[in-house]
């Protein structure tokens, strides 16, 4: 989550910002599809398809863990030790391996499904709920909205920038 992120003042502002970044991401995906580069790995070994699978995973984590408050390992379908400490150097490689052999079509279908489900969930969640602390025991009392922004708007922008380098 970026320290520079402007916090939306309403649900319509939030949804508009997310949708704008989603459309930019999908435009980049379309360009990469036309260039037949969705499966070309970058220097780090991740293809644009892998980045998109990663985004779908994290939208599902946002909904299941952060919003619905289900246990992280259950949401991610991993052993509990994978999520202990929330080390991205442990979690992300597990998610990458799970998705690396998925077809482009399957990844894009899951990405679009997760996004549509998230939009529905945000539609049905009062903005006031997003402003409440994500967890009651969070000493910083950070609002759920920070995770929504981090796993949508900011994450879309980050991975869009990464995959656009393939163009």
C-alpha atoms as a PDB file:
ATOM      1  CA  UNK A   1       0.000   0.000   0.000  1.00  0.00           C
ATOM      2  CA  UNK A   2       1.425   3.281  -1.123  1.00  0.00           C
ATOM      3  CA  UNK A   3       1.900   6.132   1.327  1.00  0.00           C
ATOM      4  CA  UNK A   4       1.041   8.480  -1.561  1.00  0.00           C
ATOM      5  CA  UNK A   5      -2.374   6.922  -2.222  1.00  0.00           C
ATOM      6  CA  UNK A   6      -5.205   9.411  -2.045  1.00  0.00           C
ATOM      7  CA  UNK A   7      -8.019   7.920   0.013  1.00  0.00           C
ATOM      8  CA  UNK A   8     -11.340   8.125  -1.836  1.00  0.00           C
ATOM      9  CA  UNK A   9     -14.047  10.058  -0.005  1.00  0.00           C
ATOM     10  CA  UNK A  10     -16.964   7.932  -1.221  1.00  0.00           C
ATOM     11  CA  UNK A  11     -17.796   4.551  -2.637  1.00  0.00           C
ATOM     12  CA  UNK A  12     -18.483   6.044  -6.063  1.00  0.00           C
ATOM     13  CA  UNK A  13     -15.041   7.689  -6.043  1.00  0.00           C
ATOM     14  CA  UNK A  14     -13.458   4.386  -4.964  1.00  0.00           C
ATOM     15  CA  UNK A  15     -15.247   2.371  -7.626  1.00  0.00           C
ATOM     16  CA  UNK A  16     -14.473   4.929 -10.322  1.00  0.00           C
ATOM     17  CA  UNK A  17     -10.750   4.845  -9.463  1.00  0.00           C
ATOM     18  CA  UNK A  18     -10.667   1.048  -9.429  1.00  0.00           C
ATOM     19  CA  UNK A  19     -12.570   0.822 -12.719  1.00  0.00           C
ATOM     20  CA  UNK A  20     -10.255   3.353 -14.404  1.00  0.00           C
ATOM     21  CA  UNK A  21      -7.164   1.347 -13.421  1.00  0.00           C
ATOM     22  CA  UNK A  22      -8.873  -1.941 -14.364  1.00  0.00           C
ATOM     23  CA  UNK A  23      -9.616  -0.570 -17.852  1.00  0.00           C
ATOM     24  CA  UNK A  24      -5.986   0.535 -18.237  1.00  0.00           C
ATOM     25  CA  UNK A  25      -4.853  -2.941 -17.219  1.00  0.00           C
ATOM     26  CA  UNK A  26      -7.235  -4.591 -19.690  1.00  0.00           C
ATOM     27  CA  UNK A  27      -6.020  -2.277 -22.480  1.00  0.00           C
ATOM     28  CA  UNK A  28      -2.458  -3.418 -21.792  1.00  0.00           C
ATOM     29  CA  UNK A  29      -3.611  -7.053 -21.817  1.00  0.00           C
ATOM     30  CA  UNK A  30      -5.312  -6.531 -25.174  1.00  0.00           C
ATOM     31  CA  UNK A  31      -2.135  -5.046 -26.668  1.00  0.00           C
ATOM     32  CA  UNK A  32      -0.078  -7.951 -25.341  1.00  0.00           C
ATOM     33  CA  UNK A  33      -2.578 -10.461 -26.732  1.00  0.00           C
ATOM     34  CA  UNK A  34      -2.344  -8.856 -30.164  1.00  0.00           C
ATOM     35  CA  UNK A  35       1.456  -8.981 -29.931  1.00  0.00           C
ATOM     36  CA  UNK A  36       1.235 -12.614 -28.779  1.00  0.00           C
ATOM     37  CA  UNK A  37       3.321 -11.826 -25.683  1.00  0.00           C
ATOM     38  CA  UNK A  38       1.106 -12.923 -22.780  1.00  0.00           C
ATOM     39  CA  UNK A  39       3.241 -15.994 -22.151  1.00  0.00           C
ATOM     40  CA  UNK A  40       6.679 -14.427 -22.691  1.00  0.00           C
ATOM     41  CA  UNK A  41       8.565 -14.383 -19.373  1.00  0.00           C
ATOM     42  CA  UNK A  42      10.434 -11.313 -18.188  1.00  0.00           C
ATOM     43  CA  UNK A  43      13.910 -11.330 -16.617  1.00  0.00           C
ATOM     44  CA  UNK A  44      12.373 -12.485 -13.324  1.00  0.00           C
ATOM     45  CA  UNK A  45      10.654 -15.451 -14.999  1.00  0.00           C
ATOM     46  CA  UNK A  46       7.101 -14.087 -14.802  1.00  0.00           C
ATOM     47  CA  UNK A  47       5.048 -13.700 -17.953  1.00  0.00           C
ATOM     48  CA  UNK A  48       2.191 -11.204 -18.230  1.00  0.00           C
ATOM     49  CA  UNK A  49      -0.126 -14.205 -17.791  1.00  0.00           C
ATOM     50  CA  UNK A  50       1.608 -14.980 -14.467  1.00  0.00           C
ATOM     51  CA  UNK A  51       1.130 -11.372 -13.348  1.00  0.00           C
ATOM     52  CA  UNK A  52      -2.582 -11.588 -14.203  1.00  0.00           C
ATOM     53  CA  UNK A  53      -2.981 -14.874 -12.306  1.00  0.00           C
ATOM     54  CA  UNK A  54      -1.279 -13.171  -9.354  1.00  0.00           C
ATOM     55  CA  UNK A  55      -3.795 -10.306  -9.479  1.00  0.00           C
ATOM     56  CA  UNK A  56      -6.715 -12.748  -9.523  1.00  0.00           C
ATOM     57  CA  UNK A  57      -5.290 -14.592  -6.516  1.00  0.00           C
ATOM     58  CA  UNK A  58      -4.924 -11.370  -4.536  1.00  0.00           C
ATOM     59  CA  UNK A  59      -8.424 -10.161  -5.372  1.00  0.00           C
ATOM     60  CA  UNK A  60      -9.691 -13.499  -4.042  1.00  0.00           C
ATOM     61  CA  UNK A  61      -7.549 -13.050  -0.915  1.00  0.00           C
ATOM     62  CA  UNK A  62      -8.927  -9.532  -0.477  1.00  0.00           C
ATOM     63  CA  UNK A  63     -12.482 -10.831  -0.585  1.00  0.00           C
ATOM     64  CA  UNK A  64     -12.047 -14.028   1.411  1.00  0.00           C
ATOM     65  CA  UNK A  65      -9.515 -13.036   4.039  1.00  0.00           C
ATOM     66  CA  UNK A  66      -9.674  -9.269   4.421  1.00  0.00           C
ATOM     67  CA  UNK A  67     -13.365  -8.689   3.756  1.00  0.00           C
ATOM     68  CA  UNK A  68     -15.008 -11.962   4.802  1.00  0.00           C
ATOM     69  CA  UNK A  69     -12.449 -12.605   7.586  1.00  0.00           C
ATOM     70  CA  UNK A  70     -11.966 -16.272   6.703  1.00  0.00           C
ATOM     71  CA  UNK A  71      -8.634 -17.894   7.653  1.00  0.00           C
ATOM     72  CA  UNK A  72      -5.919 -16.908   5.171  1.00  0.00           C
ATOM     73  CA  UNK A  73      -4.672 -20.428   4.542  1.00  0.00           C
ATOM     74  CA  UNK A  74      -8.202 -21.590   3.731  1.00  0.00           C
ATOM     75  CA  UNK A  75      -8.791 -18.710   1.337  1.00  0.00           C
ATOM     76  CA  UNK A  76      -5.455 -19.347  -0.390  1.00  0.00           C
ATOM     77  CA  UNK A  77      -5.868 -23.130  -0.249  1.00  0.00           C
ATOM     78  CA  UNK A  78      -2.406 -23.601   1.268  1.00  0.00           C
ATOM     79  CA  UNK A  79      -0.933 -25.069   4.433  1.00  0.00           C
ATOM     80  CA  UNK A  80      -1.100 -22.701   7.455  1.00  0.00           C
ATOM     81  CA  UNK A  81       2.689 -22.323   7.595  1.00  0.00           C
ATOM     82  CA  UNK A  82       2.686 -20.706   4.125  1.00  0.00           C
ATOM     83  CA  UNK A  83       0.835 -17.652   5.462  1.00  0.00           C
ATOM     84  CA  UNK A  84       2.513 -17.490   8.864  1.00  0.00           C
ATOM     85  CA  UNK A  85       4.192 -14.090   9.058  1.00  0.00           C
ATOM     86  CA  UNK A  86       2.709 -12.905   5.742  1.00  0.00           C
ATOM     87  CA  UNK A  87       6.051 -13.214   3.970  1.00  0.00           C
ATOM     88  CA  UNK A  88       5.476 -12.417   0.296  1.00  0.00           C
ATOM     89  CA  UNK A  89       8.734 -14.228  -0.536  1.00  0.00           C
ATOM     90  CA  UNK A  90       6.965 -17.397   0.666  1.00  0.00           C
ATOM     91  CA  UNK A  91       3.361 -16.748  -0.407  1.00  0.00           C
ATOM     92  CA  UNK A  92       3.843 -15.399  -3.926  1.00  0.00           C
ATOM     93  CA  UNK A  93       6.044 -18.278  -5.176  1.00  0.00           C
ATOM     94  CA  UNK A  94       3.423 -20.782  -3.952  1.00  0.00           C
ATOM     95  CA  UNK A  95       0.693 -18.915  -5.827  1.00  0.00           C
ATOM     96  CA  UNK A  96       2.944 -18.608  -8.889  1.00  0.00           C
ATOM     97  CA  UNK A  97       3.633 -22.345  -8.992  1.00  0.00           C
ATOM     98  CA  UNK A  98      -0.042 -23.154  -8.623  1.00  0.00           C
ATOM     99  CA  UNK A  99      -0.932 -21.026 -11.646  1.00  0.00           C
ATOM    100  CA  UNK A 100       2.088 -21.265 -13.930  1.00  0.00           C
ATOM    101  CA  UNK A 101       0.668 -24.055 -16.104  1.00  0.00           C
ATOM    102  CA  UNK A 102      -2.772 -22.503 -16.478  1.00  0.00           C
ATOM    103  CA  UNK A 103      -3.763 -21.509 -19.982  1.00  0.00           C
ATOM    104  CA  UNK A 104      -4.045 -17.830 -20.899  1.00  0.00           C
ATOM    105  CA  UNK A 105      -7.770 -18.344 -21.409  1.00  0.00           C
ATOM    106  CA  UNK A 106      -8.211 -19.871 -17.938  1.00  0.00           C
ATOM    107  CA  UNK A 107      -6.179 -17.105 -16.280  1.00  0.00           C
ATOM    108  CA  UNK A 108      -8.128 -14.362 -18.066  1.00  0.00           C
ATOM    109  CA  UNK A 109     -11.436 -16.030 -17.188  1.00  0.00           C
ATOM    110  CA  UNK A 110     -10.453 -16.253 -13.509  1.00  0.00           C
ATOM    111  CA  UNK A 111      -9.184 -12.671 -13.505  1.00  0.00           C
ATOM    112  CA  UNK A 112     -12.451 -11.366 -14.958  1.00  0.00           C
ATOM    113  CA  UNK A 113     -14.523 -13.561 -12.634  1.00  0.00           C
ATOM    114  CA  UNK A 114     -12.635 -12.350  -9.551  1.00  0.00           C
ATOM    115  CA  UNK A 115     -12.961  -8.726 -10.640  1.00  0.00           C
ATOM    116  CA  UNK A 116     -16.707  -9.056 -11.277  1.00  0.00           C
ATOM    117  CA  UNK A 117     -17.185 -10.725  -7.888  1.00  0.00           C
ATOM    118  CA  UNK A 118     -15.169  -8.008  -6.183  1.00  0.00           C
ATOM    119  CA  UNK A 119     -17.203  -5.259  -7.855  1.00  0.00           C
ATOM    120  CA  UNK A 120     -20.385  -6.976  -6.608  1.00  0.00           C
ATOM    121  CA  UNK A 121     -18.928  -7.268  -3.108  1.00  0.00           C
ATOM    122  CA  UNK A 122     -17.954  -3.610  -3.071  1.00  0.00           C
ATOM    123  CA  UNK A 123     -21.431  -2.672  -4.333  1.00  0.00           C
ATOM    124  CA  UNK A 124     -23.005  -4.484  -1.391  1.00  0.00           C
ATOM    125  CA  UNK A 125     -20.539  -3.205   1.238  1.00  0.00           C
ATOM    126  CA  UNK A 126     -21.399   0.146   2.825  1.00  0.00           C
ATOM    127  CA  UNK A 127     -18.556   2.643   2.469  1.00  0.00           C
ATOM    128  CA  UNK A 128     -18.645   3.107   6.251  1.00  0.00           C
ATOM    129  CA  UNK A 129     -17.664  -0.572   6.641  1.00  0.00           C
ATOM    130  CA  UNK A 130     -14.599   0.016   4.471  1.00  0.00           C
ATOM    131  CA  UNK A 131     -13.559   2.851   6.780  1.00  0.00           C
ATOM    132  CA  UNK A 132     -13.610   0.640   9.878  1.00  0.00           C
ATOM    133  CA  UNK A 133     -10.424  -1.076  11.086  1.00  0.00           C
ATOM    134  CA  UNK A 134      -9.718  -4.242   9.124  1.00  0.00           C
ATOM    135  CA  UNK A 135      -9.051  -6.160  12.321  1.00  0.00           C
ATOM    136  CA  UNK A 136     -10.207  -5.225  15.815  1.00  0.00           C
ATOM    137  CA  UNK A 137      -6.757  -6.077  17.212  1.00  0.00           C
ATOM    138  CA  UNK A 138      -4.862  -3.825  14.765  1.00  0.00           C
ATOM    139  CA  UNK A 139      -3.026  -1.343  17.017  1.00  0.00           C
ATOM    140  CA  UNK A 140      -2.912   1.167  14.141  1.00  0.00           C
ATOM    141  CA  UNK A 141      -6.667   0.810  13.476  1.00  0.00           C
ATOM    142  CA  UNK A 142      -6.012   0.812   9.696  1.00  0.00           C
ATOM    143  CA  UNK A 143      -9.227   0.784   7.693  1.00  0.00           C
ATOM    144  CA  UNK A 144     -10.181  -2.096   5.420  1.00  0.00           C
ATOM    145  CA  UNK A 145     -10.184   0.461   2.616  1.00  0.00           C
ATOM    146  CA  UNK A 146      -6.367   0.438   2.602  1.00  0.00           C
ATOM    147  CA  UNK A 147      -6.370  -3.254   1.679  1.00  0.00           C
ATOM    148  CA  UNK A 148      -9.069  -2.700  -0.933  1.00  0.00           C
ATOM    149  CA  UNK A 149      -6.901  -0.014  -2.538  1.00  0.00           C
ATOM    150  CA  UNK A 150      -3.752  -2.099  -2.178  1.00  0.00           C
ATOM    151  CA  UNK A 151      -5.196  -5.215  -3.804  1.00  0.00           C
ATOM    152  CA  UNK A 152      -7.031  -3.375  -6.584  1.00  0.00           C
ATOM    153  CA  UNK A 153      -6.036   0.091  -7.729  1.00  0.00           C
ATOM    154  CA  UNK A 154      -2.415  -0.033  -6.583  1.00  0.00           C
ATOM    155  CA  UNK A 155      -1.878  -3.674  -7.501  1.00  0.00           C
ATOM    156  CA  UNK A 156      -3.430  -3.220 -10.956  1.00  0.00           C
ATOM    157  CA  UNK A 157      -1.175  -0.205 -11.615  1.00  0.00           C
ATOM    158  CA  UNK A 158       1.936  -2.012 -10.375  1.00  0.00           C
ATOM    159  CA  UNK A 159       1.402  -5.086 -12.535  1.00  0.00           C
ATOM    160  CA  UNK A 160       0.199  -3.076 -15.534  1.00  0.00           C
ATOM    161  CA  UNK A 161       3.504  -1.181 -15.451  1.00  0.00           C
ATOM    162  CA  UNK A 162       5.362  -4.487 -15.215  1.00  0.00           C
ATOM    163  CA  UNK A 163       3.579  -6.134 -18.129  1.00  0.00           C
ATOM    164  CA  UNK A 164       3.668  -3.016 -20.324  1.00  0.00           C
ATOM    165  CA  UNK A 165       7.459  -3.393 -20.363  1.00  0.00           C
ATOM    166  CA  UNK A 166       6.821  -6.445 -22.545  1.00  0.00           C
ATOM    167  CA  UNK A 167       5.546  -4.120 -25.268  1.00  0.00           C
END
